[in-house]
């Protein structure tokens, strides 16, 4: 299991104005829809880097997009002599890597750029991830320019530009929950959502780069779970960005996000110290739910499954 803190189908861009709950002047411009595949427990999309299509993990839990060292060598990307990045993953270890700056990055023909004056992406470099078949992590620094409609049950990711919207503006026919998210104190930050675990309020990272949901030391303390209480739980070998951790699989009574309640959830737990958040909500939850992450309005919308 891995924790982290293909063909392209282009669609015509259209501007749709939604009436009803959405505010007047709300504009949702659908930019592109691309396939997303589950590979080795990860959500993978194709990204064209310098005219070469590469499979990358869709990782809303990563605030920086990163390429593996093998990908950098394969694409012959020169290291940036002036810029390096510090990276800390769920494993807690801090690592420094020289950055690279590809000439172009596209998803479904749409350029991936950063906010701010320097729009050209500068990417971190990591040793490797998972089985080594993926080229890197597509993180929040490039994804947050769009709203993301991630429909893993249907195998699609839709990127939209949203302006002037608030409230329940998502154009879905099925019922859905609207949940506020926190985006931190700077322009690039992973989405944080409120979660109730056994009726204890927690702050969780919405992490599409995590194959399973994970409770850290801060979360364990919040729910009153001491490390010695895990002795009878099954030990699980787990690799994370930033190191390995001795994790155990622990069953809880309920986990609630919005109005949806999951009974008897099994979560990985480890006394890993991490600031700001208490847990990761990973693909073991999101693979069965359609999800809209609205960076423009600081909300997520979760489609309610029938029944």
Protein backbone atom coordinates (compact mmCIF):
# COMPACT_ATOMS: atom_id res chain seq x y z
CA UNK A 1 0.00 0.00 0.00
CA UNK A 2 1.20 3.53 -0.74
CA UNK A 3 0.34 6.74 1.00
CA UNK A 4 1.21 10.23 -0.15
CA UNK A 5 0.64 13.60 2.07
CA UNK A 6 -4.79 6.62 -20.50
CA UNK A 7 -5.83 8.21 -23.61
CA UNK A 8 -6.81 11.86 -23.76
CA UNK A 9 -10.39 12.80 -24.62
CA UNK A 10 -10.70 16.49 -25.35
CA UNK A 11 -14.04 18.20 -25.04
CA UNK A 12 -15.23 21.45 -26.57
CA UNK A 13 -15.02 24.24 -24.01
CA UNK A 14 -18.46 25.63 -23.22
CA UNK A 15 -19.70 28.23 -20.81
CA UNK A 16 -22.81 27.26 -18.88
CA UNK A 17 -24.76 29.61 -16.63
CA UNK A 18 -26.67 27.82 -13.91
CA UNK A 19 -29.82 29.24 -12.40
CA UNK A 20 -31.50 28.19 -9.17
CA UNK A 21 -29.21 27.82 -6.16
CA UNK A 22 -26.21 29.27 -7.94
CA UNK A 23 -25.72 33.02 -7.70
CA UNK A 24 -26.44 35.29 -10.66
CA UNK A 25 -23.36 35.67 -12.82
CA UNK A 26 -22.01 32.24 -11.88
CA UNK A 27 -19.92 30.95 -14.78
CA UNK A 28 -18.72 27.37 -15.11
CA UNK A 29 -16.54 26.76 -18.16
CA UNK A 30 -15.89 23.11 -18.85
CA UNK A 31 -12.33 22.91 -20.15
CA UNK A 32 -11.65 19.22 -20.74
CA UNK A 33 -12.57 15.68 -19.69
CA UNK A 34 -9.85 13.03 -19.53
CA UNK A 35 -9.82 9.36 -18.50
CA UNK A 36 -8.62 8.44 -15.03
CA UNK A 37 -7.58 4.87 -14.25
CA UNK A 38 -6.95 2.98 -11.03
CA UNK A 39 -3.45 1.50 -11.30
CA UNK A 40 -1.64 -0.12 -8.36
CA UNK A 41 -4.12 1.48 -5.98
CA UNK A 42 -3.64 4.98 -7.41
CA UNK A 43 -5.73 7.31 -9.59
CA UNK A 44 -3.65 7.87 -12.73
CA UNK A 45 -4.05 10.40 -15.57
CA UNK A 46 -1.90 11.01 -18.64
CA UNK A 47 0.10 14.26 -18.69
CA UNK A 48 2.06 15.34 -21.77
CA UNK A 49 5.49 16.60 -20.67
CA UNK A 50 7.62 18.09 -23.44
CA UNK A 51 5.53 16.21 -26.06
CA UNK A 52 5.87 12.89 -24.19
CA UNK A 53 2.77 11.34 -22.61
CA UNK A 54 3.45 10.22 -19.04
CA UNK A 55 1.17 8.48 -16.49
CA UNK A 56 0.98 10.56 -13.30
CA UNK A 57 -0.82 10.03 -10.01
CA UNK A 58 -3.63 12.52 -9.41
CA UNK A 59 -2.63 13.68 -5.93
CA UNK A 60 -4.71 16.36 -4.19
CA UNK A 61 -2.73 15.59 -1.03
CA UNK A 62 0.52 16.86 -2.61
CA UNK A 63 0.95 20.63 -2.59
CA UNK A 64 3.76 20.36 -5.17
CA UNK A 65 3.84 18.45 -8.45
CA UNK A 66 6.83 16.10 -8.61
CA UNK A 67 8.54 13.79 -11.08
CA UNK A 68 10.51 10.69 -10.24
CA UNK A 69 14.25 10.66 -10.81
CA UNK A 70 13.77 7.95 -13.44
CA UNK A 71 11.34 10.18 -15.37
CA UNK A 72 13.72 13.14 -15.22
CA UNK A 73 16.48 10.97 -16.68
CA UNK A 74 14.23 9.39 -19.29
CA UNK A 75 12.99 12.79 -20.53
CA UNK A 76 16.47 14.31 -20.20
CA UNK A 77 15.27 17.20 -18.06
CA UNK A 78 18.13 19.37 -16.84
CA UNK A 79 18.17 20.19 -13.12
CA UNK A 80 17.58 23.79 -12.13
CA UNK A 81 20.86 25.14 -10.80
CA UNK A 82 19.11 27.83 -8.74
CA UNK A 83 15.95 26.19 -7.41
CA UNK A 84 15.49 23.23 -5.09
CA UNK A 85 12.50 22.15 -3.04
CA UNK A 86 12.03 20.73 0.42
CA UNK A 87 9.47 17.95 0.56
CA UNK A 88 7.84 16.33 3.58
CA UNK A 89 5.43 13.46 3.02
CA UNK A 90 3.16 11.50 5.33
CA UNK A 91 6.23 9.56 6.50
CA UNK A 92 7.51 12.73 8.13
CA UNK A 93 11.07 12.81 6.72
CA UNK A 94 12.21 16.09 5.14
CA UNK A 95 14.02 15.72 1.82
CA UNK A 96 15.71 18.27 -0.44
CA UNK A 97 15.75 17.80 -4.19
CA UNK A 98 16.97 19.87 -7.12
CA UNK A 99 14.02 21.03 -9.21
CA UNK A 100 13.39 20.71 -12.95
CA UNK A 101 11.44 22.96 -15.32
CA UNK A 102 9.94 21.24 -18.39
CA UNK A 103 9.15 23.44 -21.36
CA UNK A 104 5.47 22.41 -21.33
CA UNK A 105 2.92 20.30 -19.47
CA UNK A 106 -0.53 19.51 -20.89
CA UNK A 107 -3.53 17.52 -19.70
CA UNK A 108 -6.07 16.84 -22.42
CA UNK A 109 -4.44 19.59 -24.49
CA UNK A 110 -4.90 22.17 -21.70
CA UNK A 111 -1.68 23.81 -20.41
CA UNK A 112 -0.85 23.21 -16.74
CA UNK A 113 0.52 26.39 -15.18
CA UNK A 114 1.01 27.91 -11.75
CA UNK A 115 -0.71 30.88 -10.25
CA UNK A 116 1.29 34.09 -10.00
CA UNK A 117 3.88 35.86 -12.09
CA UNK A 118 6.03 32.80 -12.82
CA UNK A 119 3.49 30.52 -14.48
CA UNK A 120 6.02 28.01 -15.84
CA UNK A 121 5.95 24.93 -13.60
CA UNK A 122 9.03 24.17 -11.53
CA UNK A 123 8.77 20.56 -10.38
CA UNK A 124 10.27 18.74 -7.46
CA UNK A 125 12.10 15.45 -7.99
CA UNK A 126 11.48 12.37 -5.86
CA UNK A 127 13.33 9.07 -5.75
CA UNK A 128 10.30 6.97 -6.74
CA UNK A 129 6.73 6.08 -5.91
CA UNK A 130 4.79 2.86 -5.60
CA UNK A 131 5.69 0.22 -8.15
CA UNK A 132 7.74 2.72 -10.17
CA UNK A 133 5.38 2.61 -13.15
CA UNK A 134 4.11 6.17 -12.64
CA UNK A 135 6.10 9.20 -13.78
CA UNK A 136 5.27 11.36 -10.78
CA UNK A 137 2.61 13.16 -8.77
CA UNK A 138 0.27 15.76 -10.26
CA UNK A 139 -0.23 18.03 -7.27
CA UNK A 140 -2.39 20.86 -6.04
CA UNK A 141 -0.06 23.62 -7.30
CA UNK A 142 -1.12 22.84 -10.89
CA UNK A 143 -4.58 21.37 -10.25
CA UNK A 144 -5.95 24.28 -8.18
CA UNK A 145 -6.34 26.58 -11.19
CA UNK A 146 -9.40 24.46 -11.99
CA UNK A 147 -12.38 22.93 -10.26
CA UNK A 148 -12.10 19.13 -10.43
CA UNK A 149 -15.07 16.86 -11.16
CA UNK A 150 -13.57 13.50 -10.26
CA UNK A 151 -15.91 10.63 -11.12
CA UNK A 152 -13.88 7.52 -10.32
CA UNK A 153 -16.88 5.16 -10.69
CA UNK A 154 -17.16 6.40 -14.30
CA UNK A 155 -13.40 6.73 -14.81
CA UNK A 156 -13.34 10.42 -15.74
CA UNK A 157 -11.80 13.70 -14.56
CA UNK A 158 -13.28 16.99 -15.76
CA UNK A 159 -11.47 20.30 -15.33
CA UNK A 160 -13.59 23.46 -15.20
CA UNK A 161 -12.93 27.17 -14.76
CA UNK A 162 -15.35 28.69 -12.23
CA UNK A 163 -16.01 32.40 -11.66
CA UNK A 164 -18.54 34.34 -9.58
CA UNK A 165 -20.09 31.22 -8.04
CA UNK A 166 -21.08 30.35 -4.49
CA UNK A 167 -23.39 27.87 -2.82
CA UNK A 168 -24.67 24.78 -4.59
CA UNK A 169 -23.84 25.52 -8.21
CA UNK A 170 -22.76 22.04 -9.39
CA UNK A 171 -24.81 20.89 -12.44
CA UNK A 172 -25.52 17.36 -11.23
CA UNK A 173 -28.89 15.64 -11.51
CA UNK A 174 -28.34 13.45 -8.44
CA UNK A 175 -28.46 14.72 -4.84
CA UNK A 176 -25.16 15.78 -3.31
CA UNK A 177 -23.62 17.17 -0.14
CA UNK A 178 -21.75 20.47 0.02
CA UNK A 179 -18.86 20.45 2.50
CA UNK A 180 -16.60 23.45 3.24
CA UNK A 181 -12.86 23.00 2.81
CA UNK A 182 -9.87 24.87 4.13
CA UNK A 183 -7.10 25.73 1.73
CA UNK A 184 -4.56 26.95 4.27
CA UNK A 185 -2.82 30.28 4.66
CA UNK A 186 -1.05 30.39 1.29
CA UNK A 187 -2.07 30.05 -2.33
CA UNK A 188 -1.02 26.41 -2.57
CA UNK A 189 -2.39 24.10 0.07
CA UNK A 190 -3.99 20.67 0.07
CA UNK A 191 -7.76 20.68 0.71
CA UNK A 192 -8.72 20.05 4.34
CA UNK A 193 -12.22 18.77 5.14
CA UNK A 194 -14.15 18.25 8.39
CA UNK A 195 -14.64 14.58 9.31
CA UNK A 196 -16.30 12.92 12.28
CA UNK A 197 -14.61 9.70 13.39
CA UNK A 198 -16.51 7.91 16.15
CA UNK A 199 -18.22 11.28 16.74
CA UNK A 200 -14.91 13.07 17.26
CA UNK A 201 -14.42 16.12 14.99
CA UNK A 202 -11.23 15.86 12.93
CA UNK A 203 -9.57 17.79 10.14
CA UNK A 204 -8.65 15.54 7.21
CA UNK A 205 -6.70 15.91 3.99
CA UNK A 206 -8.76 15.03 0.93
CA UNK A 207 -5.99 12.90 -0.54
CA UNK A 208 -6.56 11.23 -3.90
CA UNK A 209 -2.90 10.22 -3.81
CA UNK A 210 -3.43 7.92 -0.83
CA UNK A 211 -4.58 4.39 -1.59
CA UNK A 212 -6.10 4.03 1.89
CA UNK A 213 -7.30 6.36 4.63
CA UNK A 214 -4.87 6.98 7.44
CA UNK A 215 -5.03 8.33 11.02
CA UNK A 216 -1.87 10.03 12.32
CA UNK A 217 -0.65 10.78 15.87
CA UNK A 218 -2.64 14.00 16.14
CA UNK A 219 -5.80 12.17 15.07
CA UNK A 220 -5.12 9.27 17.42
CA UNK A 221 -4.92 11.69 20.32
CA UNK A 222 -8.11 13.43 19.23
CA UNK A 223 -10.11 10.18 19.33
CA UNK A 224 -8.42 8.92 22.51
CA UNK A 225 -6.51 6.08 20.82
CA UNK A 226 -3.21 5.42 22.61
CA UNK A 227 -0.45 3.51 20.73
CA UNK A 228 -0.60 0.60 23.20
CA UNK A 229 -4.29 0.15 22.33
CA UNK A 230 -3.22 -0.97 18.84
CA UNK A 231 -1.17 -3.96 20.00
CA UNK A 232 -3.85 -6.46 18.99
CA UNK A 233 -4.45 -4.84 15.59
CA UNK A 234 -2.93 -6.26 12.41
CA UNK A 235 0.42 -4.75 11.44
CA UNK A 236 0.57 -3.49 7.84
CA UNK A 237 3.72 -2.75 5.81
CA UNK A 238 3.24 0.76 4.45
CA UNK A 239 5.44 3.03 2.35
CA UNK A 240 4.92 6.77 2.30
CA UNK A 241 6.43 9.79 0.65
CA UNK A 242 8.99 10.86 3.23
CA UNK A 243 9.70 7.43 4.70
CA UNK A 244 8.17 4.22 5.97
CA UNK A 245 5.94 3.86 9.01
CA UNK A 246 4.88 0.99 11.24
CA UNK A 247 1.12 1.10 10.72
CA UNK A 248 -1.71 -0.98 12.09
CA UNK A 249 -5.18 -1.57 10.71
CA UNK A 250 -7.80 -0.45 13.25
CA UNK A 251 -11.57 -0.70 12.98
CA UNK A 252 -13.70 2.25 14.11
CA UNK A 253 -17.46 2.50 14.59
CA UNK A 254 -18.37 5.32 12.18
CA UNK A 255 -16.81 7.86 9.87
CA UNK A 256 -18.96 10.75 8.66
CA UNK A 257 -18.32 13.26 5.87
CA UNK A 258 -21.22 15.62 5.22
CA UNK A 259 -24.42 13.62 5.69
CA UNK A 260 -22.84 10.31 4.64
CA UNK A 261 -21.93 7.85 7.35
CA UNK A 262 -19.63 4.88 6.79
CA UNK A 263 -20.11 2.11 9.36
CA UNK A 264 -17.25 -0.03 10.70
CA UNK A 265 -14.50 1.68 8.68
CA UNK A 266 -11.05 0.12 8.77
CA UNK A 267 -8.27 2.76 8.82
CA UNK A 268 -4.52 2.58 8.93
CA UNK A 269 -3.10 4.17 12.09
CA UNK A 270 0.44 5.15 13.01
CA UNK A 271 1.90 7.56 15.58
CA UNK A 272 3.38 9.74 12.83
CA UNK A 273 3.60 13.40 13.97
CA UNK A 274 2.14 15.74 11.35
CA UNK A 275 0.99 19.33 11.86
CA UNK A 276 -2.31 20.88 10.82
CA UNK A 277 -4.33 17.73 9.99
CA UNK A 278 -5.51 14.59 11.80
CA UNK A 279 -5.99 12.07 9.01
CA UNK A 280 -6.02 11.39 5.27
CA UNK A 281 -9.20 10.35 3.46
CA UNK A 282 -7.94 8.29 0.55
CA UNK A 283 -9.12 6.31 -2.44
CA UNK A 284 -10.76 3.60 -0.34
CA UNK A 285 -13.52 6.21 0.16
CA UNK A 286 -13.36 8.21 -3.09
CA UNK A 287 -13.41 5.29 -5.55
CA UNK A 288 -17.12 4.79 -4.77
CA UNK A 289 -18.14 8.47 -4.80
CA UNK A 290 -18.32 11.17 -7.43
CA UNK A 291 -16.51 14.21 -6.11
CA UNK A 292 -16.27 17.85 -7.17
CA UNK A 293 -13.38 19.80 -5.59
CA UNK A 294 -14.09 23.51 -5.96
CA UNK A 295 -10.88 25.43 -5.37
CA UNK A 296 -12.70 28.54 -6.62
CA UNK A 297 -15.32 28.46 -3.85
CA UNK A 298 -13.54 26.46 -1.10
CA UNK A 299 -16.08 23.63 -1.12
CA UNK A 300 -16.31 20.00 -2.07
CA UNK A 301 -19.48 18.38 -3.40
CA UNK A 302 -20.01 14.66 -2.88
CA UNK A 303 -22.69 12.82 -4.82
CA UNK A 304 -24.91 10.73 -2.57
CA UNK A 305 -25.02 7.10 -3.64
CA UNK A 306 -28.48 5.59 -3.96
CA UNK A 307 -29.56 4.01 -0.69
